[in-house]
Amino acid sequence: MARDRGGRQAFGELGRRLTQLDGQSYGRYKSLQGDWDGDGFTVTVQKAQTDPFAPASRIEVRVDAGHLAYPESWWSTPVRARALADFLLRVLGKQLRGSLLRVDVGGQQVLDRSALRVHRGAVTLRLGIDLPGPRRRIDGRGARRALCEQLPRAIEALRRDALDADAVEEFVDSVEDTDALRRQLSDLGLVAFVADGAMLARRSGTDDRPLADGVPFTSPESLRTTVQLPHRGAVSGMGIAEGVTLIVGGGFHGKSTLLRALERGVYDHVPGDGRELVVSRSATVKVRAEDGRSVQRVDVSAFVGELPTGADTRDFSTSNASGSTSQAATTIEAIEAGAEVLLIDEDTAATNLMIRDARMQELVAKGNEPLTPFVDLVRPLYSQHGVSTVLVMGGSGDYLDVADRVVMMAAYHPEDATERAVALRAPQSRAVEADGFPAIRHRVCDPRSLAAERKGRRMVKARGIDTLTYGETDIDLRSVEQIVDVGQVAGIGQALTHGVESGLIDGKRTVAEFLDLLERDLAENADALRHGFLGDYVVPRRFEVAAALARLRDLRVADLRE
């Protein structure tokens, strides 16, 4: 058998090895592990299944830059390299359809996936394969077809001369425009931008593609902003400025559809999605009520005053939060993690935390009501902490008194209703129950409470987009609404593991300091989260990592810092 001095094997030998293994015990697949050198690429069998019902085998393919011959313009910046990687994954997904090989392609969002990296024009590809083995015997022919025929064809499909260069450039340019627009928001004093012609509506709750006969977005003239993008040039649309913005309108007229588009505006989208130029600041977080979640030592005193039980709400913990206390904790946790913009939909918010009208104030004296409604905190949250809020609000006119602007949705068309809203402001009928928003107290987590082991083995596993199994605990992520891909859940698990194993969570640093260091590590090394993990993951945002950490029921908070 042909081997070089480093123990590497010629790729041509792989087919012969599989022919020899045909019919042998399934466990003999393990003999394939190692490097197989081809013409311009190397295939590494990292892990072979020991049983046909075990998790898929894992393969890494490294393709030389010279073999691919990409122009530098395709990958010259981190944003363009990420976009190119996403495009290539979609090409691979089509090439491998119907084969035993599996690649993590994703959906409408362009995310940073571990499945394919582009570095200086070279590609590192990671795949899974269900090695065939009827009756627990090696199917050498089936495995040879996948590894020695379909995989090399897929690699060749990634070469420059096999790709549609115009399609590549359109895809990469589109993502670069989106990223450039998002980066401009802060300098423009905006928290979000929705381009004229954008398609916000989706086909269904389970189909994230654009609705075929949806209504294109058209900005109200008074809110129209024009931005300059690297490739599209001048683009106009609705700019949502910093401060407090209400989205109002009748039921089924598009309020929540607009908010959901802003919620997803923290991500780039594929060309043709309709939301390519619907962007929100990267530090935008959706907040909602979440009955039953655990809360560990969060200062919720801005929202919750003295309780009948005498519990200290400056250091509040519970294993079964109510709607109001859960939303209060989630809000504080988001700000602790660095949120600059909060998104709230009244449909998923705790009513008693959002508003207390004049008649209820008169009926229930403030001394008997520990909750301070958000309507009295939303302005000091912006003026004292610089945190803007965009709210969908259809049931409480009291929010008109604190809004900087009001966007009315009527049959999916936005109107600027700010002047009308100002005219409707009534003389102060309800008492304001807060005169400020206190400083955020930062938490320090005990790393010993983040053990990822179960029965002596590391157990970190994504179970759909709703649950992360972490050690002995299942973390409920159903209410973390900006998770859009199962790979993000896997990435969150890897981020928590990285935090402990790399000493970023050390019992001394605050949550915010850990998140800062996590982002630093990822900026320096896109694969910093691997830690021996061979599966697929998406690099997560800091806010979803913080949300998962906060929902870990075994979490112990060692300290609170002013």
Protein backbone atom coordinates (compact mmCIF):
# COMPACT_ATOMS: atom_id res chain seq x y z
CA MET A 1 0.00 0.00 0.00
CA ALA A 2 1.39 3.42 -0.98
CA ARG A 3 2.32 5.54 2.01
CA ASP A 4 4.62 8.51 2.37
CA ARG A 5 7.07 8.83 5.22
CA GLY A 6 4.55 10.68 7.37
CA GLY A 7 2.10 7.77 7.26
CA ARG A 8 -0.19 9.53 4.78
CA GLN A 9 -1.85 7.39 2.15
CA ALA A 10 -2.59 8.08 -1.51
CA PHE A 11 -6.25 8.78 -2.14
CA GLY A 12 -6.27 6.18 -4.91
CA GLU A 13 -5.62 3.52 -2.29
CA LEU A 14 -8.88 4.31 -0.51
CA GLY A 15 -11.01 2.56 -3.12
CA ARG A 16 -8.81 -0.53 -3.02
CA ARG A 17 -9.01 -0.59 0.77
CA LEU A 18 -12.79 -0.48 0.65
CA THR A 19 -12.86 -3.32 -1.86
CA GLN A 20 -10.74 -5.40 0.52
CA LEU A 21 -13.01 -4.54 3.45
CA ASP A 22 -16.24 -5.47 1.65
CA GLY A 23 -18.22 -7.95 3.72
CA GLN A 24 -15.98 -7.70 6.78
CA SER A 25 -17.14 -6.77 10.27
CA TYR A 26 -18.49 -3.19 10.43
CA GLY A 27 -15.92 -2.16 13.04
CA ARG A 28 -13.17 -2.56 10.45
CA TYR A 29 -14.22 0.82 9.01
CA LYS A 30 -12.00 2.27 11.72
CA SER A 31 -8.97 1.26 9.64
CA LEU A 32 -9.88 4.09 7.25
CA GLN A 33 -9.06 6.76 9.83
CA GLY A 34 -6.21 9.02 8.80
CA ASP A 35 -5.14 11.17 5.84
CA TRP A 36 -5.66 10.28 2.19
CA ASP A 37 -3.84 12.59 -0.26
CA GLY A 38 -5.44 13.34 -3.60
CA ASP A 39 -4.62 15.72 -6.45
CA GLY A 40 -4.90 19.14 -4.82
CA PHE A 41 -6.80 17.95 -1.76
CA THR A 42 -6.50 15.79 1.35
CA VAL A 43 -9.33 13.76 2.83
CA THR A 44 -9.06 12.96 6.54
CA VAL A 45 -11.33 10.32 8.02
CA GLN A 46 -11.50 11.76 11.53
CA LYS A 47 -13.89 9.30 13.07
CA ALA A 48 -15.44 6.12 11.70
CA GLN A 49 -18.61 4.67 13.14
CA THR A 50 -18.30 1.48 15.14
CA ASP A 51 -21.91 0.57 14.39
CA PRO A 52 -24.30 1.50 11.53
CA PHE A 53 -26.70 2.98 14.09
CA ALA A 54 -24.06 5.17 15.76
CA PRO A 55 -23.73 8.90 14.96
CA ALA A 56 -22.40 9.54 11.46
CA SER A 57 -18.72 9.22 10.67
CA ARG A 58 -16.87 12.51 10.21
CA ILE A 59 -14.62 13.57 7.35
CA GLU A 60 -12.52 16.69 6.82
CA VAL A 61 -11.41 17.76 3.35
CA ARG A 62 -8.72 20.36 2.77
CA VAL A 63 -8.56 21.73 -0.76
CA ASP A 64 -5.51 23.74 -1.87
CA ALA A 65 -5.96 27.34 -2.99
CA GLY A 66 -4.10 26.59 -6.21
CA HIS A 67 -6.48 23.75 -7.04
CA LEU A 68 -9.52 25.98 -6.56
CA ALA A 69 -8.01 29.08 -8.27
CA TYR A 70 -10.40 31.60 -6.68
CA PRO A 71 -9.66 35.27 -7.36
CA GLU A 72 -8.64 37.10 -4.20
CA SER A 73 -11.63 39.43 -4.56
CA TRP A 74 -13.93 36.54 -3.62
CA TRP A 75 -12.38 36.07 -0.16
CA SER A 76 -10.38 39.25 0.52
CA THR A 77 -12.18 40.17 3.77
CA PRO A 78 -13.67 38.06 6.58
CA VAL A 79 -17.18 39.03 5.45
CA ARG A 80 -16.54 38.01 1.85
CA ALA A 81 -14.86 34.77 2.93
CA ARG A 82 -17.88 33.89 5.08
CA ALA A 83 -20.25 34.67 2.22
CA LEU A 84 -18.18 32.60 -0.22
CA ALA A 85 -18.19 29.70 2.25
CA ASP A 86 -21.98 29.87 2.46
CA PHE A 87 -22.29 29.90 -1.34
CA LEU A 88 -19.99 26.88 -1.64
CA LEU A 89 -21.98 24.95 0.96
CA ARG A 90 -25.13 25.44 -1.09
CA VAL A 91 -23.30 24.17 -4.19
CA LEU A 92 -22.17 21.13 -2.23
CA GLY A 93 -25.64 20.52 -0.88
CA LYS A 94 -26.94 20.15 -4.43
CA GLN A 95 -23.99 18.02 -5.53
CA LEU A 96 -24.40 15.59 -2.64
CA ARG A 97 -28.18 15.32 -2.73
CA GLY A 98 -29.16 11.66 -2.57
CA SER A 99 -25.70 10.50 -1.45
CA LEU A 100 -24.55 9.12 1.90
CA LEU A 101 -22.55 12.30 2.50
CA ARG A 102 -24.12 15.06 4.60
CA VAL A 103 -23.11 18.71 4.71
CA ASP A 104 -24.56 21.50 6.88
CA VAL A 105 -26.05 23.89 4.30
CA GLY A 106 -28.46 25.98 6.36
CA GLY A 107 -31.47 28.09 5.39
CA GLN A 108 -32.15 31.71 4.47
CA GLN A 109 -29.52 33.19 6.78
CA VAL A 110 -25.82 33.45 5.89
CA LEU A 111 -24.14 32.25 9.08
CA ASP A 112 -20.58 31.44 10.11
CA ARG A 113 -20.64 27.64 9.85
CA SER A 114 -17.89 25.26 10.90
CA ALA A 115 -18.86 23.03 7.95
CA LEU A 116 -16.80 25.08 5.51
CA ARG A 117 -14.10 27.69 5.98
CA VAL A 118 -12.30 29.73 3.33
CA HIS A 119 -8.82 30.94 4.28
CA ARG A 120 -6.60 32.67 1.74
CA GLY A 121 -8.42 30.94 -1.06
CA ALA A 122 -8.09 27.42 0.39
CA VAL A 123 -11.13 25.51 1.64
CA THR A 124 -11.60 23.30 4.69
CA LEU A 125 -14.77 21.24 4.41
CA ARG A 126 -16.32 19.06 7.11
CA LEU A 127 -18.93 16.43 6.36
CA GLY A 128 -20.75 13.52 7.88
CA ILE A 129 -21.28 10.15 6.24
CA ASP A 130 -23.43 7.22 7.25
CA LEU A 131 -21.07 4.43 6.27
CA PRO A 132 -23.18 1.64 4.77
CA GLY A 133 -23.32 -1.68 6.63
CA PRO A 134 -26.28 -4.02 6.11
CA ARG A 135 -26.32 -6.75 8.75
CA ARG A 136 -23.34 -5.00 10.38
CA ARG A 137 -21.09 -5.95 7.49
CA ILE A 138 -19.14 -3.41 5.45
CA ASP A 139 -20.73 -2.44 2.15
CA GLY A 140 -17.45 -1.67 0.40
CA ARG A 141 -19.08 -0.83 -2.92
CA GLY A 142 -21.51 1.69 -1.41
CA ALA A 143 -18.80 3.34 0.68
CA ARG A 144 -16.46 3.48 -2.34
CA ARG A 145 -19.16 5.12 -4.44
CA ALA A 146 -19.63 7.86 -1.83
CA LEU A 147 -16.01 8.44 -0.86
CA CYS A 148 -14.17 7.76 -4.09
CA GLU A 149 -16.66 8.94 -6.69
CA GLN A 150 -19.22 11.36 -5.28
CA LEU A 151 -16.85 13.18 -2.92
CA PRO A 152 -14.17 13.91 -5.56
CA ARG A 153 -16.88 15.11 -7.97
CA ALA A 154 -18.19 17.43 -5.26
CA ILE A 155 -14.68 18.78 -4.66
CA GLU A 156 -14.24 19.42 -8.38
CA ALA A 157 -17.58 21.30 -8.38
CA LEU A 158 -15.97 23.86 -6.04
CA ARG A 159 -13.26 24.84 -8.50
CA ARG A 160 -13.48 28.29 -10.03
CA ASP A 161 -13.93 26.97 -13.56
CA ALA A 162 -16.90 24.85 -12.40
CA LEU A 163 -18.71 27.73 -10.67
CA ASP A 164 -20.94 30.44 -12.08
CA ALA A 165 -18.61 33.38 -11.40
CA ASP A 166 -21.40 35.95 -11.82
CA ALA A 167 -23.55 34.12 -9.26
CA VAL A 168 -20.64 33.93 -6.81
CA GLU A 169 -19.94 37.65 -7.11
CA GLU A 170 -23.62 38.56 -6.79
CA PHE A 171 -23.91 36.47 -3.62
CA VAL A 172 -20.71 37.76 -2.00
CA ASP A 173 -21.41 41.38 -2.98
CA SER A 174 -24.94 41.14 -1.57
CA VAL A 175 -23.71 39.91 1.81
CA GLU A 176 -21.01 42.58 1.87
CA ASP A 177 -23.64 45.26 1.21
CA THR A 178 -25.77 43.96 4.10
CA ASP A 179 -22.82 43.97 6.46
CA ALA A 180 -21.78 47.47 5.35
CA LEU A 181 -25.31 48.75 5.93
CA ARG A 182 -25.45 47.26 9.41
CA ARG A 183 -22.10 48.84 10.27
CA GLN A 184 -23.41 52.28 9.23
CA LEU A 185 -26.43 52.24 11.53
CA SER A 186 -24.72 53.56 14.62
CA ASP A 187 -23.06 56.48 12.80
CA LEU A 188 -26.43 57.35 11.23
CA GLY A 189 -28.14 57.32 14.64
CA LEU A 190 -30.32 54.40 13.54
CA VAL A 191 -31.15 51.13 15.24
CA ALA A 192 -32.60 49.52 12.10
CA PHE A 193 -33.21 50.03 8.39
CA VAL A 194 -35.83 48.49 6.08
CA ALA A 195 -35.18 49.00 2.38
CA ASP A 196 -37.90 50.01 -0.04
CA GLY A 197 -39.01 46.92 -1.94
CA ALA A 198 -38.10 44.52 0.87
CA MET A 199 -40.32 41.46 1.24
CA LEU A 200 -41.00 40.88 4.94
CA ALA A 201 -43.75 38.25 4.90
CA ARG A 202 -42.77 34.57 4.95
CA ARG A 203 -44.58 31.63 3.38
CA SER A 204 -45.49 30.10 6.74
CA GLY A 205 -44.29 29.59 10.27
CA THR A 206 -42.26 26.61 9.09
CA ASP A 207 -41.16 27.95 5.70
CA ASP A 208 -38.80 30.92 5.97
CA ARG A 209 -38.78 31.68 2.25
CA PRO A 210 -40.46 34.91 1.05
CA LEU A 211 -44.20 34.92 0.45
CA ALA A 212 -44.73 34.82 -3.31
CA ASP A 213 -47.54 37.39 -3.39
CA GLY A 214 -46.49 39.47 -0.39
CA VAL A 215 -46.63 43.28 -0.23
CA PRO A 216 -43.27 45.01 -0.93
CA PHE A 217 -42.22 47.44 1.78
CA THR A 218 -42.42 51.16 1.04
CA SER A 219 -41.05 53.67 3.53
CA PRO A 220 -43.13 56.64 4.71
CA GLU A 221 -41.57 59.73 3.15
CA SER A 222 -40.93 61.35 6.54
CA LEU A 223 -38.88 58.33 7.69
CA ARG A 224 -37.09 57.66 4.43
CA THR A 225 -33.31 57.52 4.63
CA THR A 226 -30.81 57.02 1.83
CA VAL A 227 -27.64 55.03 2.42
CA GLN A 228 -24.62 54.36 0.23
CA LEU A 229 -23.55 50.73 -0.19
CA PRO A 230 -20.37 49.34 -1.78
CA HIS A 231 -22.12 47.53 -4.64
CA ARG A 232 -25.75 48.65 -4.84
CA GLY A 233 -24.86 52.32 -4.45
CA ALA A 234 -27.65 54.57 -3.13
CA VAL A 235 -30.48 52.64 -1.42
CA SER A 236 -33.52 54.23 0.22
CA GLY A 237 -35.75 52.86 2.94
CA MET A 238 -37.17 53.44 6.39
CA GLY A 239 -34.63 54.33 9.03
CA ILE A 240 -35.65 53.68 12.63
CA ALA A 241 -33.81 56.16 14.83
CA GLU A 242 -32.50 55.62 18.33
CA GLY A 243 -34.93 56.10 21.20
CA VAL A 244 -38.41 54.64 21.65
CA THR A 245 -40.33 53.47 18.58
CA LEU A 246 -43.87 52.12 18.61
CA ILE A 247 -45.26 49.90 15.86
CA VAL A 248 -49.05 50.14 15.98
CA GLY A 249 -52.03 49.16 13.85
CA GLY A 250 -54.93 46.79 13.70
CA GLY A 251 -54.69 43.05 14.02
CA PHE A 252 -53.28 41.19 11.00
CA HIS A 253 -51.96 44.39 9.40
CA GLY A 254 -48.26 43.50 9.68
CA LYS A 255 -47.03 44.78 13.06
CA SER A 256 -45.47 41.52 14.21
CA THR A 257 -44.26 40.76 10.68
CA LEU A 258 -42.22 43.98 10.74
CA LEU A 259 -40.88 43.24 14.21
CA ARG A 260 -39.88 39.69 13.20
CA ALA A 261 -37.99 41.10 10.23
CA LEU A 262 -36.10 43.42 12.59
CA GLU A 263 -35.49 40.47 14.91
CA ARG A 264 -33.84 38.59 12.03
CA GLY A 265 -32.10 41.75 10.84
CA VAL A 266 -29.08 40.88 12.97
CA TYR A 267 -28.29 38.22 10.32
CA ASP A 268 -27.32 38.44 6.66
CA HIS A 269 -29.67 36.78 4.16
CA VAL A 270 -29.21 35.04 0.84
CA PRO A 271 -29.98 36.98 -2.37
CA GLY A 272 -33.65 36.66 -3.25
CA ASP A 273 -34.75 36.28 0.37
CA GLY A 274 -36.39 39.73 0.37
CA ARG A 275 -34.72 40.77 3.64
CA GLU A 276 -31.20 41.31 2.30
CA LEU A 277 -31.42 45.01 3.23
CA VAL A 278 -33.51 44.68 6.38
CA VAL A 279 -30.91 45.17 9.07
CA SER A 280 -30.77 45.79 12.79
CA ARG A 281 -27.83 46.66 14.95
CA SER A 282 -25.80 43.62 15.88
CA ALA A 283 -26.56 44.25 19.55
CA THR A 284 -30.35 43.89 19.12
CA VAL A 285 -32.15 41.47 21.42
CA LYS A 286 -35.76 40.24 21.41
CA VAL A 287 -37.26 40.15 24.91
CA ARG A 288 -40.39 38.31 26.04
CA ALA A 289 -42.09 36.75 29.05
CA GLU A 290 -41.17 33.15 29.85
CA ASP A 291 -43.19 31.48 32.58
CA GLY A 292 -41.30 28.83 34.51
CA ARG A 293 -37.72 29.73 33.63
CA SER A 294 -35.03 29.77 36.29
CA VAL A 295 -33.40 33.03 37.36
CA GLN A 296 -30.09 33.13 39.21
CA ARG A 297 -29.17 36.20 41.22
CA VAL A 298 -30.38 38.95 38.89
CA ASP A 299 -30.99 42.49 40.10
CA VAL A 300 -34.58 43.03 38.96
CA SER A 301 -35.24 45.92 41.36
CA ALA A 302 -35.83 48.33 38.46
CA PHE A 303 -39.02 46.37 37.72
CA VAL A 304 -39.80 44.61 40.99
CA GLY A 305 -39.82 46.40 44.32
CA GLU A 306 -40.48 45.06 47.79
CA LEU A 307 -42.15 41.65 47.70
CA PRO A 308 -44.61 40.41 50.34
CA THR A 309 -42.14 37.58 51.07
CA GLY A 310 -39.40 40.08 51.83
CA ALA A 311 -37.11 38.63 49.14
CA ASP A 312 -34.33 40.97 48.01
CA THR A 313 -35.06 41.85 44.39
CA ARG A 314 -31.57 43.33 43.98
CA ASP A 315 -30.37 39.73 44.24
CA PHE A 316 -33.31 37.74 42.92
CA SER A 317 -33.43 34.00 42.25
CA THR A 318 -36.23 31.59 41.47
CA SER A 319 -36.63 28.20 39.83
CA ASN A 320 -40.10 29.06 38.53
CA ALA A 321 -40.37 32.67 37.38
CA SER A 322 -43.69 34.29 36.60
CA GLY A 323 -44.30 36.06 33.31
CA SER A 324 -43.42 39.44 34.80
CA THR A 325 -40.32 38.39 36.75
CA SER A 326 -39.03 36.34 33.81
CA GLN A 327 -39.37 39.29 31.43
CA ALA A 328 -37.74 41.60 33.98
CA ALA A 329 -34.81 39.19 34.36
CA THR A 330 -34.46 38.67 30.60
CA THR A 331 -34.36 42.43 30.06
CA ILE A 332 -31.64 42.94 32.67
CA GLU A 333 -29.65 39.96 31.35
CA ALA A 334 -29.77 41.34 27.80
CA ILE A 335 -28.46 44.72 28.96
CA GLU A 336 -25.82 42.97 31.07
CA ALA A 337 -24.67 41.17 27.90
CA GLY A 338 -24.38 44.49 26.03
CA ALA A 339 -27.73 44.95 24.26
CA GLU A 340 -28.19 48.33 22.59
CA VAL A 341 -31.70 47.70 21.24
CA LEU A 342 -34.62 45.77 22.73
CA LEU A 343 -37.49 44.39 20.66
CA ILE A 344 -40.78 43.67 22.42
CA ASP A 345 -44.09 42.39 21.08
CA GLU A 346 -47.05 42.88 23.39
CA ASP A 347 -48.39 39.47 22.30
CA THR A 348 -45.52 37.71 24.07
CA ALA A 349 -44.96 40.20 26.88
CA ALA A 350 -46.25 40.13 30.46
CA THR A 351 -49.16 42.58 30.51
CA ASN A 352 -48.72 43.55 34.16
CA LEU A 353 -45.06 44.42 33.52
CA MET A 354 -45.86 46.52 30.47
CA ILE A 355 -48.58 48.86 31.77
CA ARG A 356 -50.63 49.90 34.79
CA ASP A 357 -53.30 52.38 33.76
CA ALA A 358 -54.75 55.22 35.83
CA ARG A 359 -57.80 53.36 37.07
CA MET A 360 -55.74 50.39 38.21
CA GLN A 361 -53.32 52.75 39.94
CA GLU A 362 -56.25 54.29 41.77
CA LEU A 363 -57.69 50.91 42.72
CA VAL A 364 -54.41 49.26 43.79
CA ALA A 365 -52.15 51.64 45.68
CA LYS A 366 -48.48 51.69 44.71
CA GLY A 367 -47.60 50.44 48.17
CA ASN A 368 -49.41 47.22 47.36
CA GLU A 369 -47.96 46.81 43.86
CA PRO A 370 -44.28 45.81 43.67
CA LEU A 371 -44.13 45.94 39.86
CA THR A 372 -42.97 49.06 38.04
CA PRO A 373 -44.36 49.00 34.49
CA PHE A 374 -42.04 49.22 31.49
CA VAL A 375 -43.91 52.27 30.22
CA ASP A 376 -42.28 54.24 33.04
CA LEU A 377 -38.81 52.76 32.48
CA VAL A 378 -38.46 52.78 28.70
CA ARG A 379 -37.39 56.42 28.49
CA PRO A 380 -34.81 56.39 31.34
CA LEU A 381 -33.51 53.12 29.89
CA TYR A 382 -32.59 55.12 26.78
CA SER A 383 -31.59 58.41 28.41
CA GLN A 384 -29.46 56.85 31.15
CA HIS A 385 -28.18 53.64 29.50
CA GLY A 386 -28.42 54.38 25.78
CA VAL A 387 -30.66 51.35 25.18
CA SER A 388 -33.34 51.93 22.52
CA THR A 389 -36.61 50.00 22.33
CA VAL A 390 -38.89 49.05 19.45
CA LEU A 391 -42.31 47.86 20.64
CA VAL A 392 -45.33 46.39 18.91
CA MET A 393 -48.19 47.91 20.88
CA GLY A 394 -51.86 47.75 19.98
CA GLY A 395 -53.58 47.78 23.34
CA SER A 396 -52.20 50.66 25.42
CA GLY A 397 -52.34 54.31 24.43
CA ASP A 398 -50.17 55.24 27.42
CA TYR A 399 -47.11 54.32 25.37
CA LEU A 400 -47.92 57.18 22.99
CA ASP A 401 -46.81 59.52 25.77
CA VAL A 402 -43.27 58.12 25.86
CA ALA A 403 -42.63 57.33 22.18
CA ASP A 404 -40.24 59.28 19.97
CA ARG A 405 -41.98 57.98 16.83
CA VAL A 406 -44.97 55.87 15.92
CA VAL A 407 -45.12 53.65 12.83
CA MET A 408 -48.66 52.65 11.84
CA MET A 409 -49.03 49.44 9.84
CA ALA A 410 -52.12 49.44 7.61
CA ALA A 411 -52.55 46.48 5.23
CA TYR A 412 -48.78 45.87 5.43
CA HIS A 413 -48.01 49.47 4.45
CA PRO A 414 -46.18 51.61 7.05
CA GLU A 415 -47.29 55.16 7.82
CA ASP A 416 -45.64 57.74 10.06
CA ALA A 417 -48.30 58.34 12.71
CA THR A 418 -46.09 60.31 15.09
CA GLU A 419 -47.85 63.67 14.70
CA ARG A 420 -51.27 62.08 15.14
CA ALA A 421 -50.01 60.24 18.21
CA VAL A 422 -48.64 63.45 19.74
CA ALA A 423 -51.99 65.14 19.18
CA LEU A 424 -53.68 62.31 21.07
CA ARG A 425 -51.49 62.64 24.13
CA ALA A 426 -53.78 63.29 27.07
CA PRO A 427 -53.07 65.37 30.13
CA GLN A 428 -51.20 63.23 32.60
CA SER A 429 -53.84 60.83 33.83
CA ARG A 430 -51.65 58.18 35.39
CA ALA A 431 -48.85 58.60 37.89
CA VAL A 432 -45.33 57.91 36.68
CA GLU A 433 -43.94 55.20 38.93
CA ALA A 434 -40.20 55.53 38.24
CA ASP A 435 -37.78 58.43 38.01
CA GLY A 436 -34.83 56.51 36.59
CA PHE A 437 -33.31 53.17 35.68
CA PRO A 438 -30.68 51.94 38.16
CA ALA A 439 -27.20 50.80 37.21
CA ILE A 440 -26.86 47.21 36.01
CA ARG A 441 -25.26 44.83 38.49
CA HIS A 442 -22.99 42.37 36.72
CA ARG A 443 -22.83 38.71 37.68
CA VAL A 444 -19.81 36.46 38.16
CA CYS A 445 -20.46 32.77 37.46
CA ASP A 446 -18.93 29.81 39.29
CA PRO A 447 -17.27 27.63 36.59
CA ARG A 448 -17.81 24.52 38.73
CA SER A 449 -21.54 24.82 38.05
CA LEU A 450 -20.93 24.52 34.30
CA ALA A 451 -19.82 20.89 34.26
CA ALA A 452 -20.53 19.44 30.82
CA GLU A 453 -20.13 15.82 31.90
CA ARG A 454 -22.76 13.14 32.33
CA LYS A 455 -21.68 9.81 33.77
CA GLY A 456 -18.06 10.71 33.21
CA ARG A 457 -18.47 11.69 29.54
CA ARG A 458 -18.89 15.11 27.99
CA MET A 459 -22.52 15.61 26.99
CA VAL A 460 -23.14 18.74 24.94
CA LYS A 461 -25.81 18.20 22.30
CA ALA A 462 -28.30 20.31 20.36
CA ARG A 463 -31.83 18.92 20.29
CA GLY A 464 -33.37 21.05 17.58
CA ILE A 465 -33.42 24.81 18.04
CA ASP A 466 -35.33 24.59 21.33
CA THR A 467 -33.09 22.57 23.64
CA LEU A 468 -29.41 22.26 24.51
CA THR A 469 -28.39 19.24 26.55
CA TYR A 470 -25.47 20.39 28.67
CA GLY A 471 -24.11 17.85 31.11
CA GLU A 472 -26.90 16.73 33.39
CA THR A 473 -29.24 19.55 32.34
CA ASP A 474 -31.49 20.36 29.39
CA ILE A 475 -31.44 24.11 28.75
CA ASP A 476 -34.81 25.33 27.46
CA LEU A 477 -34.22 27.80 24.60
CA ARG A 478 -37.77 27.99 23.23
CA SER A 479 -38.13 31.63 24.21
CA VAL A 480 -34.75 32.71 22.84
CA GLU A 481 -36.40 33.77 19.61
CA GLN A 482 -33.37 34.90 17.64
CA ILE A 483 -32.05 31.35 17.38
CA VAL A 484 -32.82 30.36 13.79
CA ASP A 485 -30.62 27.31 13.19
CA VAL A 486 -29.83 24.12 15.10
CA GLY A 487 -26.16 24.83 14.45
CA GLN A 488 -26.43 27.89 16.68
CA VAL A 489 -27.55 25.69 19.56
CA ALA A 490 -24.54 23.42 19.02
CA GLY A 491 -22.36 26.54 18.88
CA ILE A 492 -23.79 27.82 22.15
CA GLY A 493 -22.89 24.52 23.80
CA GLN A 494 -19.35 24.75 22.42
CA ALA A 495 -19.06 28.36 23.57
CA LEU A 496 -19.99 27.42 27.15
CA THR A 497 -17.52 24.53 27.05
CA HIS A 498 -14.85 26.87 25.68
CA GLY A 499 -15.61 29.36 28.43
CA VAL A 500 -14.87 26.79 31.12
CA GLU A 501 -12.02 24.84 29.49
CA SER A 502 -10.17 27.98 28.37
CA GLY A 503 -10.61 29.68 31.73
CA LEU A 504 -12.71 32.55 30.39
CA ILE A 505 -15.32 31.70 33.03
CA ASP A 506 -13.07 31.60 36.07
CA GLY A 507 -15.19 32.73 39.02
CA LYS A 508 -13.69 36.23 38.81
CA ARG A 509 -14.75 37.65 35.46
CA THR A 510 -18.25 38.99 34.92
CA VAL A 511 -20.57 37.55 32.28
CA ALA A 512 -19.88 40.59 30.08
CA GLU A 513 -16.11 40.14 30.44
CA PHE A 514 -16.43 36.46 29.47
CA LEU A 515 -18.45 37.40 26.38
CA ASP A 516 -15.88 40.02 25.37
CA LEU A 517 -13.08 37.45 25.58
CA LEU A 518 -15.17 34.88 23.72
CA GLU A 519 -15.61 37.31 20.83
CA ARG A 520 -11.88 38.05 20.89
CA ASP A 521 -11.02 34.36 20.64
CA LEU A 522 -13.42 33.86 17.74
CA ALA A 523 -12.02 36.88 15.91
CA GLU A 524 -8.53 35.41 16.20
CA ASN A 525 -9.52 31.82 15.36
CA ALA A 526 -12.83 30.88 13.76
CA ASP A 527 -12.40 27.30 15.01
CA ALA A 528 -11.70 28.27 18.62
CA LEU A 529 -14.84 26.48 19.77
CA ARG A 530 -13.95 23.03 18.43
CA HIS A 531 -12.26 21.52 21.53
CA GLY A 532 -12.25 18.12 19.87
CA PHE A 533 -15.85 18.45 18.69
CA LEU A 534 -16.23 16.93 15.22
CA GLY A 535 -19.84 17.88 14.55
CA ASP A 536 -21.28 20.94 12.83
CA TYR A 537 -21.96 24.21 14.57
CA VAL A 538 -22.64 27.87 13.85
CA VAL A 539 -20.64 30.56 15.63
CA PRO A 540 -23.27 32.02 17.99
CA ARG A 541 -23.90 35.63 18.96
CA ARG A 542 -22.89 36.64 22.46
CA PHE A 543 -26.52 37.31 23.37
CA GLU A 544 -27.72 33.76 22.75
CA VAL A 545 -24.72 32.41 24.68
CA ALA A 546 -25.66 34.68 27.58
CA ALA A 547 -29.30 33.59 27.34
CA ALA A 548 -28.38 29.90 27.51
CA LEU A 549 -26.02 30.53 30.43
CA ALA A 550 -28.80 32.34 32.30
CA ARG A 551 -31.21 29.42 31.73
CA LEU A 552 -28.82 26.76 32.99
CA ARG A 553 -30.70 25.55 36.06
CA ASP A 554 -27.52 24.32 37.75
CA LEU A 555 -25.81 27.70 37.34
CA ARG A 556 -24.34 29.21 40.47
CA VAL A 557 -23.60 32.92 40.56
CA ALA A 558 -20.61 33.59 42.76
CA ASP A 559 -20.82 37.36 43.01
CA LEU A 560 -22.68 40.50 41.94
CA ARG A 561 -20.71 43.62 41.00
CA GLU A 562 -22.01 47.14 40.95
